Amino acid sequence: MGGRGLEQTALALSKTAIPAQTGTESGTLNRENAPIDPDLVRLIEAWPTLSDEARADILRIGGIR
């Protein structure tokens, strides 16, 4: 018997939606919804006011530069 069964075509696969929401329905944490450390929040808020030297020191201590 020839013919086709229930195979999905490439076109059908290309239309598969990928949800924008991350994490699970149970509310487990991931990068997008994990709590941010309060000290990190303070650093982020202060960053624009820090001197170039202070910024460089923080990046060096953090192993970023």
PDB file of N, CA and C in Angstrom:
ATOM      1  N   MET A   1       0.832  -1.186   0.000  1.00  0.00           N
ATOM      2  CA  MET A   1       0.000   0.000   0.000  1.00  0.00           C
ATOM      3  C   MET A   1       0.869   1.238   0.000  1.00  0.00           C
ATOM      4  N   GLY A   2       0.648   2.081  -0.924  1.00  0.00           N
ATOM      5  CA  GLY A   2       1.362   3.343  -0.962  1.00  0.00           C
ATOM      6  C   GLY A   2       0.656   4.368  -0.101  1.00  0.00           C
ATOM      7  N   GLY A   3       0.865   5.586  -0.445  1.00  0.00           N
ATOM      8  CA  GLY A   3       0.174   6.649   0.277  1.00  0.00           C
ATOM      9  C   GLY A   3       0.922   7.103   1.509  1.00  0.00           C
ATOM     10  N   ARG A   4       0.276   7.974   2.180  1.00  0.00           N
ATOM     11  CA  ARG A   4       0.909   8.581   3.347  1.00  0.00           C
ATOM     12  C   ARG A   4       0.105   8.288   4.592  1.00  0.00           C
ATOM     13  N   GLY A   5       0.793   8.283   5.685  1.00  0.00           N
ATOM     14  CA  GLY A   5       0.145   8.081   6.974  1.00  0.00           C
ATOM     15  C   GLY A   5      -0.061   9.419   7.668  1.00  0.00           C
ATOM     16  N   LEU A   6       0.288   9.475   8.909  1.00  0.00           N
ATOM     17  CA  LEU A   6       0.093  10.680   9.708  1.00  0.00           C
ATOM     18  C   LEU A   6       1.382  11.467   9.887  1.00  0.00           C
ATOM     19  N   GLU A   7       2.285  11.374   8.924  1.00  0.00           N
ATOM     20  CA  GLU A   7       3.540  12.097   9.044  1.00  0.00           C
ATOM     21  C   GLU A   7       3.290  13.597   9.046  1.00  0.00           C
ATOM     22  N   GLN A   8       4.104  14.298   9.837  1.00  0.00           N
ATOM     23  CA  GLN A   8       4.036  15.760   9.801  1.00  0.00           C
ATOM     24  C   GLN A   8       4.944  16.250   8.693  1.00  0.00           C
ATOM     25  N   THR A   9       4.501  17.243   8.005  1.00  0.00           N
ATOM     26  CA  THR A   9       5.307  17.809   6.938  1.00  0.00           C
ATOM     27  C   THR A   9       6.231  18.867   7.510  1.00  0.00           C
ATOM     28  N   ALA A  10       7.242  19.243   6.759  1.00  0.00           N
ATOM     29  CA  ALA A  10       8.155  20.297   7.191  1.00  0.00           C
ATOM     30  C   ALA A  10       7.393  21.588   7.435  1.00  0.00           C
ATOM     31  N   LEU A  11       6.378  21.845   6.638  1.00  0.00           N
ATOM     32  CA  LEU A  11       5.587  23.060   6.806  1.00  0.00           C
ATOM     33  C   LEU A  11       4.882  23.052   8.156  1.00  0.00           C
ATOM     34  N   ALA A  12       4.328  21.931   8.542  1.00  0.00           N
ATOM     35  CA  ALA A  12       3.640  21.847   9.828  1.00  0.00           C
ATOM     36  C   ALA A  12       4.618  22.080  10.971  1.00  0.00           C
ATOM     37  N   LEU A  13       5.834  21.555  10.865  1.00  0.00           N
ATOM     38  CA  LEU A  13       6.822  21.742  11.920  1.00  0.00           C
ATOM     39  C   LEU A  13       7.285  23.183  12.008  1.00  0.00           C
ATOM     40  N   SER A  14       7.337  23.867  10.880  1.00  0.00           N
ATOM     41  CA  SER A  14       7.815  25.244  10.899  1.00  0.00           C
ATOM     42  C   SER A  14       6.810  26.188  11.549  1.00  0.00           C
ATOM     43  N   LYS A  15       5.587  25.750  11.728  1.00  0.00           N
ATOM     44  CA  LYS A  15       4.567  26.600  12.327  1.00  0.00           C
ATOM     45  C   LYS A  15       4.374  26.319  13.819  1.00  0.00           C
ATOM     46  N   THR A  16       5.237  25.501  14.385  1.00  0.00           N
ATOM     47  CA  THR A  16       5.129  25.181  15.795  1.00  0.00           C
ATOM     48  C   THR A  16       5.442  26.422  16.619  1.00  0.00           C
ATOM     49  N   ALA A  17       4.534  26.806  17.487  1.00  0.00           N
ATOM     50  CA  ALA A  17       4.725  27.997  18.303  1.00  0.00           C
ATOM     51  C   ALA A  17       5.652  27.689  19.473  1.00  0.00           C
ATOM     52  N   ILE A  18       6.500  28.649  19.784  1.00  0.00           N
ATOM     53  CA  ILE A  18       7.365  28.547  20.946  1.00  0.00           C
ATOM     54  C   ILE A  18       6.912  29.607  21.932  1.00  0.00           C
ATOM     55  N   PRO A  19       6.444  29.200  23.105  1.00  0.00           N
ATOM     56  CA  PRO A  19       5.934  30.190  24.053  1.00  0.00           C
ATOM     57  C   PRO A  19       7.034  31.116  24.552  1.00  0.00           C
ATOM     58  N   ALA A  20       6.678  32.375  24.775  1.00  0.00           N
ATOM     59  CA  ALA A  20       7.635  33.361  25.265  1.00  0.00           C
ATOM     60  C   ALA A  20       7.851  33.215  26.762  1.00  0.00           C
ATOM     61  N   GLN A  21       6.891  32.665  27.471  1.00  0.00           N
ATOM     62  CA  GLN A  21       6.997  32.512  28.919  1.00  0.00           C
ATOM     63  C   GLN A  21       8.053  31.463  29.249  1.00  0.00           C
ATOM     64  N   THR A  22       8.822  31.736  30.285  1.00  0.00           N
ATOM     65  CA  THR A  22       9.832  30.778  30.703  1.00  0.00           C
ATOM     66  C   THR A  22       9.485  30.253  32.082  1.00  0.00           C
ATOM     67  N   GLY A  23      10.190  29.220  32.503  1.00  0.00           N
ATOM     68  CA  GLY A  23       9.889  28.602  33.784  1.00  0.00           C
ATOM     69  C   GLY A  23       8.824  27.542  33.596  1.00  0.00           C
ATOM     70  N   THR A  24       8.343  27.024  34.686  1.00  0.00           N
ATOM     71  CA  THR A  24       7.328  25.989  34.603  1.00  0.00           C
ATOM     72  C   THR A  24       6.022  26.486  35.185  1.00  0.00           C
ATOM     73  N   GLU A  25       4.967  25.745  34.947  1.00  0.00           N
ATOM     74  CA  GLU A  25       3.673  26.135  35.482  1.00  0.00           C
ATOM     75  C   GLU A  25       3.675  26.156  37.003  1.00  0.00           C
ATOM     76  N   SER A  26       4.549  25.360  37.612  1.00  0.00           N
ATOM     77  CA  SER A  26       4.593  25.318  39.072  1.00  0.00           C
ATOM     78  C   SER A  26       5.307  26.520  39.667  1.00  0.00           C
ATOM     79  N   GLY A  27       5.907  27.354  38.813  1.00  0.00           N
ATOM     80  CA  GLY A  27       6.545  28.567  39.294  1.00  0.00           C
ATOM     81  C   GLY A  27       8.001  28.408  39.680  1.00  0.00           C
ATOM     82  N   THR A  28       8.654  27.345  39.228  1.00  0.00           N
ATOM     83  CA  THR A  28      10.065  27.206  39.542  1.00  0.00           C
ATOM     84  C   THR A  28      10.847  28.365  38.940  1.00  0.00           C
ATOM     85  N   LEU A  29      11.981  28.667  39.522  1.00  0.00           N
ATOM     86  CA  LEU A  29      12.755  29.833  39.131  1.00  0.00           C
ATOM     87  C   LEU A  29      13.706  29.528  37.992  1.00  0.00           C
ATOM     88  N   ASN A  30      13.971  30.549  37.200  1.00  0.00           N
ATOM     89  CA  ASN A  30      14.988  30.504  36.165  1.00  0.00           C
ATOM     90  C   ASN A  30      15.625  31.881  36.119  1.00  0.00           C
ATOM     91  N   ARG A  31      16.477  32.135  35.165  1.00  0.00           N
ATOM     92  CA  ARG A  31      17.180  33.426  35.111  1.00  0.00           C
ATOM     93  C   ARG A  31      16.236  34.615  35.039  1.00  0.00           C
ATOM     94  N   GLU A  32      15.129  34.472  34.341  1.00  0.00           N
ATOM     95  CA  GLU A  32      14.232  35.604  34.137  1.00  0.00           C
ATOM     96  C   GLU A  32      13.384  35.942  35.354  1.00  0.00           C
ATOM     97  N   ASN A  33      13.108  34.975  36.220  1.00  0.00           N
ATOM     98  CA  ASN A  33      12.221  35.273  37.340  1.00  0.00           C
ATOM     99  C   ASN A  33      12.833  34.975  38.705  1.00  0.00           C
ATOM    100  N   ALA A  34      14.145  34.767  38.749  1.00  0.00           N
ATOM    101  CA  ALA A  34      14.816  34.530  40.022  1.00  0.00           C
ATOM    102  C   ALA A  34      14.958  35.849  40.780  1.00  0.00           C
ATOM    103  N   PRO A  35      14.888  35.807  42.100  1.00  0.00           N
ATOM    104  CA  PRO A  35      15.064  37.042  42.866  1.00  0.00           C
ATOM    105  C   PRO A  35      16.481  37.581  42.695  1.00  0.00           C
ATOM    106  N   ILE A  36      16.617  38.895  42.684  1.00  0.00           N
ATOM    107  CA  ILE A  36      17.918  39.537  42.533  1.00  0.00           C
ATOM    108  C   ILE A  36      18.429  39.912  43.915  1.00  0.00           C
ATOM    109  N   ASP A  37      19.691  39.631  44.147  1.00  0.00           N
ATOM    110  CA  ASP A  37      20.329  39.962  45.411  1.00  0.00           C
ATOM    111  C   ASP A  37      20.211  41.467  45.658  1.00  0.00           C
ATOM    112  N   PRO A  38      19.796  41.881  46.858  1.00  0.00           N
ATOM    113  CA  PRO A  38      19.645  43.317  47.154  1.00  0.00           C
ATOM    114  C   PRO A  38      20.943  44.106  46.971  1.00  0.00           C
ATOM    115  N   ASP A  39      22.094  43.495  47.287  1.00  0.00           N
ATOM    116  CA  ASP A  39      23.360  44.189  47.089  1.00  0.00           C
ATOM    117  C   ASP A  39      23.633  44.430  45.607  1.00  0.00           C
ATOM    118  N   LEU A  40      23.239  43.474  44.768  1.00  0.00           N
ATOM    119  CA  LEU A  40      23.408  43.651  43.332  1.00  0.00           C
ATOM    120  C   LEU A  40      22.511  44.777  42.828  1.00  0.00           C
ATOM    121  N   VAL A  41      21.308  44.862  43.336  1.00  0.00           N
ATOM    122  CA  VAL A  41      20.398  45.951  42.956  1.00  0.00           C
ATOM    123  C   VAL A  41      21.027  47.291  43.310  1.00  0.00           C
ATOM    124  N   ARG A  42      21.604  47.394  44.500  1.00  0.00           N
ATOM    125  CA  ARG A  42      22.250  48.649  44.919  1.00  0.00           C
ATOM    126  C   ARG A  42      23.417  48.994  44.006  1.00  0.00           C
ATOM    127  N   LEU A  43      24.198  47.979  43.630  1.00  0.00           N
ATOM    128  CA  LEU A  43      25.322  48.218  42.730  1.00  0.00           C
ATOM    129  C   LEU A  43      24.838  48.696  41.362  1.00  0.00           C
ATOM    130  N   ILE A  44      23.797  48.060  40.848  1.00  0.00           N
ATOM    131  CA  ILE A  44      23.247  48.451  39.546  1.00  0.00           C
ATOM    132  C   ILE A  44      22.758  49.895  39.591  1.00  0.00           C
ATOM    133  N   GLU A  45      22.080  50.258  40.670  1.00  0.00           N
ATOM    134  CA  GLU A  45      21.568  51.628  40.796  1.00  0.00           C
ATOM    135  C   GLU A  45      22.693  52.647  40.930  1.00  0.00           C
ATOM    136  N   ALA A  46      23.784  52.270  41.593  1.00  0.00           N
ATOM    137  CA  ALA A  46      24.898  53.194  41.804  1.00  0.00           C
ATOM    138  C   ALA A  46      25.852  53.255  40.615  1.00  0.00           C
ATOM    139  N   TRP A  47      25.825  52.266  39.738  1.00  0.00           N
ATOM    140  CA  TRP A  47      26.796  52.148  38.658  1.00  0.00           C
ATOM    141  C   TRP A  47      27.024  53.449  37.880  1.00  0.00           C
ATOM    142  N   PRO A  48      25.970  54.175  37.468  1.00  0.00           N
ATOM    143  CA  PRO A  48      26.209  55.396  36.681  1.00  0.00           C
ATOM    144  C   PRO A  48      26.983  56.473  37.449  1.00  0.00           C
ATOM    145  N   THR A  49      26.966  56.420  38.761  1.00  0.00           N
ATOM    146  CA  THR A  49      27.643  57.448  39.559  1.00  0.00           C
ATOM    147  C   THR A  49      29.069  57.065  39.937  1.00  0.00           C
ATOM    148  N   LEU A  50      29.484  55.830  39.666  1.00  0.00           N
ATOM    149  CA  LEU A  50      30.815  55.377  40.044  1.00  0.00           C
ATOM    150  C   LEU A  50      31.872  55.905  39.086  1.00  0.00           C
ATOM    151  N   SER A  51      33.050  56.118  39.631  1.00  0.00           N
ATOM    152  CA  SER A  51      34.172  56.557  38.789  1.00  0.00           C
ATOM    153  C   SER A  51      34.599  55.413  37.877  1.00  0.00           C
ATOM    154  N   ASP A  52      35.310  55.752  36.818  1.00  0.00           N
ATOM    155  CA  ASP A  52      35.825  54.725  35.911  1.00  0.00           C
ATOM    156  C   ASP A  52      36.730  53.750  36.657  1.00  0.00           C
ATOM    157  N   GLU A  53      37.508  54.277  37.605  1.00  0.00           N
ATOM    158  CA  GLU A  53      38.410  53.432  38.384  1.00  0.00           C
ATOM    159  C   GLU A  53      37.625  52.438  39.247  1.00  0.00           C
ATOM    160  N   ALA A  54      36.564  52.924  39.885  1.00  0.00           N
ATOM    161  CA  ALA A  54      35.743  52.038  40.723  1.00  0.00           C
ATOM    162  C   ALA A  54      35.077  50.958  39.875  1.00  0.00           C
ATOM    163  N   ARG A  55      34.568  51.343  38.715  1.00  0.00           N
ATOM    164  CA  ARG A  55      33.948  50.364  37.817  1.00  0.00           C
ATOM    165  C   ARG A  55      34.961  49.303  37.395  1.00  0.00           C
ATOM    166  N   ALA A  56      36.167  49.752  37.015  1.00  0.00           N
ATOM    167  CA  ALA A  56      37.216  48.822  36.586  1.00  0.00           C
ATOM    168  C   ALA A  56      37.587  47.874  37.727  1.00  0.00           C
ATOM    169  N   ASP A  57      37.673  48.413  38.955  1.00  0.00           N
ATOM    170  CA  ASP A  57      37.995  47.566  40.106  1.00  0.00           C
ATOM    171  C   ASP A  57      36.926  46.499  40.316  1.00  0.00           C
ATOM    172  N   ILE A  58      35.667  46.883  40.235  1.00  0.00           N
ATOM    173  CA  ILE A  58      34.563  45.922  40.427  1.00  0.00           C
ATOM    174  C   ILE A  58      34.596  44.849  39.352  1.00  0.00           C
ATOM    175  N   LEU A  59      34.805  45.245  38.117  1.00  0.00           N
ATOM    176  CA  LEU A  59      34.867  44.267  37.035  1.00  0.00           C
ATOM    177  C   LEU A  59      36.060  43.331  37.203  1.00  0.00           C
ATOM    178  N   ARG A  60      37.198  43.877  37.663  1.00  0.00           N
ATOM    179  CA  ARG A  60      38.383  43.059  37.882  1.00  0.00           C
ATOM    180  C   ARG A  60      38.147  42.069  39.003  1.00  0.00           C
ATOM    181  N   ILE A  61      37.561  42.536  40.122  1.00  0.00           N
ATOM    182  CA  ILE A  61      37.284  41.660  41.255  1.00  0.00           C
ATOM    183  C   ILE A  61      36.319  40.550  40.837  1.00  0.00           C
ATOM    184  N   GLY A  62      35.353  40.882  39.998  1.00  0.00           N
ATOM    185  CA  GLY A  62      34.382  39.899  39.538  1.00  0.00           C
ATOM    186  C   GLY A  62      34.906  38.975  38.450  1.00  0.00           C
ATOM    187  N   GLY A  63      36.154  39.206  38.023  1.00  0.00           N
ATOM    188  CA  GLY A  63      36.740  38.353  36.998  1.00  0.00           C
ATOM    189  C   GLY A  63      36.197  38.641  35.604  1.00  0.00           C
ATOM    190  N   ILE A  64      35.627  39.814  35.420  1.00  0.00           N
ATOM    191  CA  ILE A  64      35.041  40.162  34.123  1.00  0.00           C
ATOM    192  C   ILE A  64      36.079  40.820  33.209  1.00  0.00           C
ATOM    193  N   ARG A  65      37.036  41.496  33.791  1.00  0.00           N
ATOM    194  CA  ARG A  65      38.104  42.121  32.993  1.00  0.00           C
ATOM    195  C   ARG A  65      39.437  41.747  33.548  1.00  0.00           C
TER     196      ARG A  65
END
